[in-house]
Amino acid sequence: MPLPTRAKITASAKENDIVTTLQLEPEAALPSSPYPGQFFMLWLPGFDEKPYSAAGVSPISISVGARGPFSKRLAGLKKGDSLWLRGPYGKGFELKGKRILLIGGGYGFAPLRFLASEAKKKGISATAICGARSASLLMKPAACKTVFTTDDGSQGMKGNVLAAAEELFKKEKFDAVYTCGPERMMGSVARLAKENGADCRLLLERYMKCGIGVCGHCCCGEKLVCFDGPCFGPEILENPDFEKFRRDKCGKRVPL
């Protein structure tokens, strides 16, 4: 298991009203370079430790949505500050096909931008959809054609990412779809991909304490999101917890 290592913040940039992207420089070599879909456990000593998807490599980047006490403190770190990290952990995305569609909701778009950059290096044609409630919550575009949607119509197409995906599928053929964001959104995306003959990979989020498959807090049915995922295929649609239940900090099963 990778041990925690101190990392210095080398850059901090506001993406939108709630998201800050941090660039990190670990003091010790990591066991491996992260690839899209993998995550790190980030630790602020004396406060808490939580998982965050890798949003880039060279430099390592993390996008933080400032929602709770930990994420607000993390997003408030400045250049020169430090945190501790361990990882990368988990099974990430595997690029398939020649034409792919990336669909992200909110800051779930961050690991998909990372994937778009990797697809570009491999000559894979990618199109991305980034959605949010309003323009002030949109992420920056990916390294490919990016379609924006907002619930209130303040930027891009008025509506949600599913509506935009339906329109794209009417015009184009995609070999695979990759998605990250709210769970019910991802479920709808996976069913749409199946209807159109495309493979689909979903990046799940759950409360994690260990990140290595020991504590069981991230279970989704019989799957451990940190160990069996966090990337899953369309088979997750049959999981009894998917789109329905999660575990809280005490491990209690609660409705999503």
Protein backbone atom coordinates (compact mmCIF):
# COMPACT_ATOMS: atom_id res chain seq x y z
CA MET A 1 0.00 0.00 0.00
CA PRO A 2 1.40 3.43 -0.92
CA LEU A 3 2.35 5.38 2.20
CA PRO A 4 1.33 9.03 2.62
CA THR A 5 3.74 11.58 1.24
CA ARG A 6 3.81 15.32 1.72
CA ALA A 7 2.96 17.35 -1.37
CA LYS A 8 3.42 21.08 -1.91
CA ILE A 9 0.80 23.21 -3.65
CA THR A 10 2.51 24.72 -6.70
CA ALA A 11 -0.57 26.46 -8.15
CA SER A 12 -4.18 27.17 -7.22
CA ALA A 13 -6.77 28.39 -9.73
CA LYS A 14 -10.49 29.10 -9.37
CA GLU A 15 -12.51 27.27 -12.03
CA ASN A 16 -15.91 28.64 -11.11
CA ASP A 17 -17.90 29.78 -8.07
CA ILE A 18 -17.20 26.60 -6.06
CA VAL A 19 -14.38 24.67 -7.78
CA THR A 20 -10.65 25.24 -7.31
CA THR A 21 -8.02 23.21 -9.14
CA LEU A 22 -4.81 22.56 -7.24
CA GLN A 23 -1.49 21.48 -8.74
CA LEU A 24 0.64 19.30 -6.46
CA GLU A 25 4.31 18.42 -6.26
CA PRO A 26 4.91 15.33 -4.07
CA GLU A 27 8.14 15.34 -2.09
CA ALA A 28 8.66 11.61 -2.76
CA ALA A 29 8.15 9.59 -5.93
CA LEU A 30 4.70 8.04 -6.28
CA PRO A 31 4.42 4.27 -6.85
CA SER A 32 2.90 4.99 -10.27
CA SER A 33 1.54 7.86 -12.33
CA PRO A 34 -2.22 8.32 -12.01
CA TYR A 35 -4.42 7.67 -14.99
CA PRO A 36 -7.94 9.03 -15.55
CA GLY A 37 -10.49 7.62 -13.11
CA GLN A 38 -8.01 6.79 -10.36
CA PHE A 39 -8.05 8.73 -7.10
CA PHE A 40 -5.86 9.93 -4.25
CA MET A 41 -6.61 10.05 -0.54
CA LEU A 42 -5.82 13.61 0.55
CA TRP A 43 -5.05 14.25 4.21
CA LEU A 44 -4.98 17.48 6.17
CA PRO A 45 -3.37 16.44 9.48
CA GLY A 46 -5.57 17.02 12.49
CA PHE A 47 -8.61 17.60 10.31
CA ASP A 48 -9.67 14.77 7.94
CA GLU A 49 -8.78 12.61 4.94
CA LYS A 50 -10.94 12.21 1.82
CA PRO A 51 -10.71 10.81 -1.74
CA TYR A 52 -10.32 13.00 -4.82
CA SER A 53 -10.12 11.96 -8.47
CA ALA A 54 -6.95 12.73 -10.35
CA ALA A 55 -7.66 15.66 -12.67
CA GLY A 56 -4.30 15.63 -14.43
CA VAL A 57 -0.71 14.47 -14.38
CA SER A 58 2.59 16.34 -14.95
CA PRO A 59 1.74 18.19 -12.78
CA ILE A 60 -0.64 16.17 -10.65
CA SER A 61 -3.90 18.09 -10.41
CA ILE A 62 -6.96 17.82 -8.19
CA SER A 63 -10.23 19.72 -8.66
CA VAL A 64 -12.02 20.51 -5.40
CA GLY A 65 -15.66 21.49 -5.06
CA ALA A 66 -15.88 23.59 -1.88
CA ARG A 67 -19.01 22.13 -0.29
CA GLY A 68 -18.22 20.92 3.24
CA PRO A 69 -15.67 21.80 5.97
CA PHE A 70 -12.86 19.62 4.56
CA SER A 71 -13.31 20.60 0.91
CA LYS A 72 -13.56 24.31 1.81
CA ARG A 73 -10.30 24.10 3.76
CA LEU A 74 -8.66 22.14 0.93
CA ALA A 75 -9.84 24.61 -1.71
CA GLY A 76 -8.46 27.44 0.42
CA LEU A 77 -4.87 26.19 0.26
CA LYS A 78 -2.46 28.55 -1.48
CA LYS A 79 0.77 28.17 -3.41
CA GLY A 80 3.46 27.00 -1.00
CA ASP A 81 1.04 25.27 1.38
CA SER A 82 1.25 21.51 1.91
CA LEU A 83 -1.00 18.50 2.30
CA TRP A 84 -0.43 14.75 2.44
CA LEU A 85 -1.53 12.27 -0.18
CA ARG A 86 -1.47 8.55 -0.81
CA GLY A 87 -2.29 6.67 -3.96
CA PRO A 88 -3.10 6.54 -6.79
CA TYR A 89 -5.79 3.95 -6.04
CA GLY A 90 -8.57 2.18 -7.87
CA LYS A 91 -9.40 1.01 -11.36
CA GLY A 92 -9.72 3.93 -13.75
CA PHE A 93 -10.99 4.40 -17.27
CA GLU A 94 -9.76 2.29 -20.18
CA LEU A 95 -9.93 3.98 -23.56
CA LYS A 96 -11.83 1.95 -26.15
CA GLY A 97 -12.78 2.61 -29.75
CA LYS A 98 -11.99 5.43 -32.15
CA ARG A 99 -14.80 7.85 -31.25
CA ILE A 100 -15.79 8.51 -27.66
CA LEU A 101 -18.23 10.73 -25.80
CA LEU A 102 -17.44 12.21 -22.38
CA ILE A 103 -20.37 13.37 -20.21
CA GLY A 104 -19.78 15.21 -16.94
CA GLY A 105 -21.98 16.92 -14.41
CA GLY A 106 -20.52 19.66 -12.20
CA TYR A 107 -16.99 18.99 -10.96
CA GLY A 108 -17.42 15.40 -12.17
CA PHE A 109 -16.11 16.85 -15.42
CA ALA A 110 -12.56 17.13 -14.01
CA PRO A 111 -11.46 13.48 -14.47
CA LEU A 112 -13.10 13.48 -17.92
CA ARG A 113 -10.91 16.40 -19.01
CA PHE A 114 -7.94 14.31 -17.94
CA LEU A 115 -9.31 11.45 -20.05
CA ALA A 116 -9.80 13.78 -23.03
CA SER A 117 -6.13 14.75 -22.87
CA GLU A 118 -5.08 11.10 -22.85
CA ALA A 119 -7.42 10.34 -25.77
CA LYS A 120 -5.87 13.19 -27.75
CA LYS A 121 -2.38 11.74 -27.21
CA LYS A 122 -3.60 8.42 -28.64
CA GLY A 123 -5.35 9.94 -31.64
CA ILE A 124 -8.84 9.05 -30.39
CA SER A 125 -11.61 11.43 -31.44
CA ALA A 126 -13.47 12.75 -28.40
CA THR A 127 -16.49 14.96 -27.83
CA ALA A 128 -17.35 16.21 -24.35
CA ILE A 129 -20.52 17.47 -22.68
CA CYS A 130 -20.18 19.55 -19.53
CA GLY A 131 -23.31 20.44 -17.58
CA ALA A 132 -24.17 22.57 -14.55
CA ARG A 133 -27.09 24.45 -13.04
CA SER A 134 -25.77 27.79 -14.33
CA ALA A 135 -22.83 29.36 -16.16
CA SER A 136 -21.17 30.29 -12.87
CA LEU A 137 -20.80 26.57 -12.05
CA LEU A 138 -19.44 25.31 -15.38
CA MET A 139 -15.96 23.82 -15.57
CA LYS A 140 -13.37 24.83 -18.14
CA PRO A 141 -13.53 23.00 -21.50
CA ALA A 142 -11.72 19.76 -22.30
CA ALA A 143 -8.98 19.28 -24.90
CA CYS A 144 -11.63 18.39 -27.49
CA LYS A 145 -14.94 19.69 -28.80
CA THR A 146 -16.90 20.63 -25.66
CA VAL A 147 -20.65 21.19 -25.52
CA PHE A 148 -21.94 23.12 -22.51
CA THR A 149 -25.39 22.81 -20.97
CA THR A 150 -27.00 24.79 -18.17
CA ASP A 151 -30.32 24.22 -16.44
CA ASP A 152 -31.16 27.92 -16.62
CA GLY A 153 -29.85 28.52 -20.14
CA SER A 154 -27.24 31.06 -18.98
CA GLN A 155 -24.60 29.43 -21.22
CA GLY A 156 -24.67 26.87 -23.97
CA MET A 157 -27.69 24.63 -24.49
CA LYS A 158 -30.56 25.10 -22.06
CA GLY A 159 -31.27 21.75 -20.43
CA ASN A 160 -29.26 18.86 -19.04
CA VAL A 161 -26.43 16.73 -20.35
CA LEU A 162 -28.77 13.86 -21.25
CA ALA A 163 -30.71 16.05 -23.69
CA ALA A 164 -27.44 17.16 -25.30
CA ALA A 165 -26.26 13.54 -25.55
CA GLU A 166 -29.52 12.49 -27.20
CA GLU A 167 -29.00 15.17 -29.86
CA LEU A 168 -25.40 14.08 -30.48
CA PHE A 169 -26.40 10.43 -30.84
CA LYS A 170 -28.87 11.46 -33.57
CA LYS A 171 -25.98 12.89 -35.59
CA GLU A 172 -22.94 10.81 -34.65
CA LYS A 173 -21.85 7.27 -33.82
CA PHE A 174 -19.79 6.73 -30.66
CA ASP A 175 -17.95 3.57 -29.70
CA ALA A 176 -17.88 4.33 -25.98
CA VAL A 177 -19.28 6.78 -23.46
CA TYR A 178 -17.51 7.85 -20.25
CA THR A 179 -19.41 9.65 -17.52
CA CYS A 180 -18.93 11.15 -14.07
CA GLY A 181 -21.35 13.18 -11.98
CA PRO A 182 -24.58 12.67 -10.03
CA GLU A 183 -25.44 8.96 -9.88
CA ARG A 184 -28.91 9.18 -11.40
CA MET A 185 -27.48 11.22 -14.25
CA MET A 186 -24.88 8.51 -14.89
CA GLY A 187 -27.55 5.81 -14.82
CA SER A 188 -29.54 7.66 -17.48
CA VAL A 189 -26.39 8.13 -19.57
CA ALA A 190 -25.56 4.42 -19.35
CA ARG A 191 -29.05 3.43 -20.51
CA LEU A 192 -28.85 5.91 -23.39
CA ALA A 193 -25.46 4.52 -24.43
CA LYS A 194 -26.86 0.98 -24.38
CA GLU A 195 -29.81 2.04 -26.55
CA ASN A 196 -27.34 3.40 -29.10
CA GLY A 197 -25.00 0.42 -29.11
CA ALA A 198 -22.15 2.12 -27.27
CA ASP A 199 -20.13 0.80 -24.35
CA CYS A 200 -20.33 2.93 -21.19
CA ARG A 201 -18.01 3.44 -18.22
CA LEU A 202 -19.17 5.22 -15.08
CA LEU A 203 -17.05 6.76 -12.33
CA LEU A 204 -18.77 6.26 -8.97
CA GLU A 205 -18.38 8.30 -5.81
CA ARG A 206 -18.86 6.93 -2.29
CA TYR A 207 -17.75 7.86 1.22
CA MET A 208 -14.30 6.30 1.76
CA LYS A 209 -12.21 5.96 4.89
CA CYS A 210 -9.39 3.67 3.79
CA GLY A 211 -9.34 3.72 -0.02
CA ILE A 212 -7.93 0.17 -0.17
CA GLY A 213 -10.94 -2.12 0.31
CA VAL A 214 -10.67 -2.68 4.08
CA CYS A 215 -13.23 -0.48 5.84
CA GLY A 216 -16.26 -1.32 3.67
CA HIS A 217 -17.73 2.18 3.86
CA CYS A 218 -17.73 2.61 0.09
CA CYS A 219 -19.74 -0.53 -0.66
CA CYS A 220 -22.32 -0.39 -3.43
CA GLY A 221 -24.21 -3.64 -3.12
CA GLU A 222 -21.48 -6.29 -3.06
CA LYS A 223 -18.95 -4.03 -4.76
CA LEU A 224 -16.32 -1.89 -3.04
CA VAL A 225 -16.06 1.32 -5.01
CA CYS A 226 -12.44 1.97 -3.99
CA PHE A 227 -11.26 -1.55 -4.83
CA ASP A 228 -13.58 -2.90 -7.55
CA GLY A 229 -13.90 0.57 -9.10
CA PRO A 230 -14.35 3.47 -9.00
CA CYS A 231 -14.80 2.86 -12.74
CA PHE A 232 -17.62 0.43 -13.55
CA GLY A 233 -19.27 -0.79 -16.72
CA PRO A 234 -22.99 -1.03 -17.58
CA GLU A 235 -23.34 -4.04 -15.27
CA ILE A 236 -23.55 -1.58 -12.37
CA LEU A 237 -27.11 -0.82 -13.51
CA GLU A 238 -28.09 -4.19 -12.00
CA ASN A 239 -26.53 -3.36 -8.64
CA PRO A 240 -29.27 -3.03 -5.96
CA ASP A 241 -27.66 0.07 -4.41
CA PHE A 242 -26.82 1.97 -7.60
CA GLU A 243 -28.97 5.13 -7.93
CA LYS A 244 -30.72 4.20 -4.68
CA PHE A 245 -28.45 3.94 -1.61
CA ARG A 246 -25.11 4.98 -0.18
CA ARG A 247 -23.37 4.70 3.22
CA ASP A 248 -22.99 7.64 5.58
CA LYS A 249 -19.98 8.37 7.82
CA CYS A 250 -21.15 5.75 10.33
CA GLY A 251 -21.64 3.10 7.65
CA LYS A 252 -25.44 3.29 7.76
CA ARG A 253 -27.22 2.58 4.47
CA VAL A 254 -29.18 5.70 3.51
CA PRO A 255 -31.17 6.75 0.41
CA LEU A 256 -29.35 8.78 -2.22
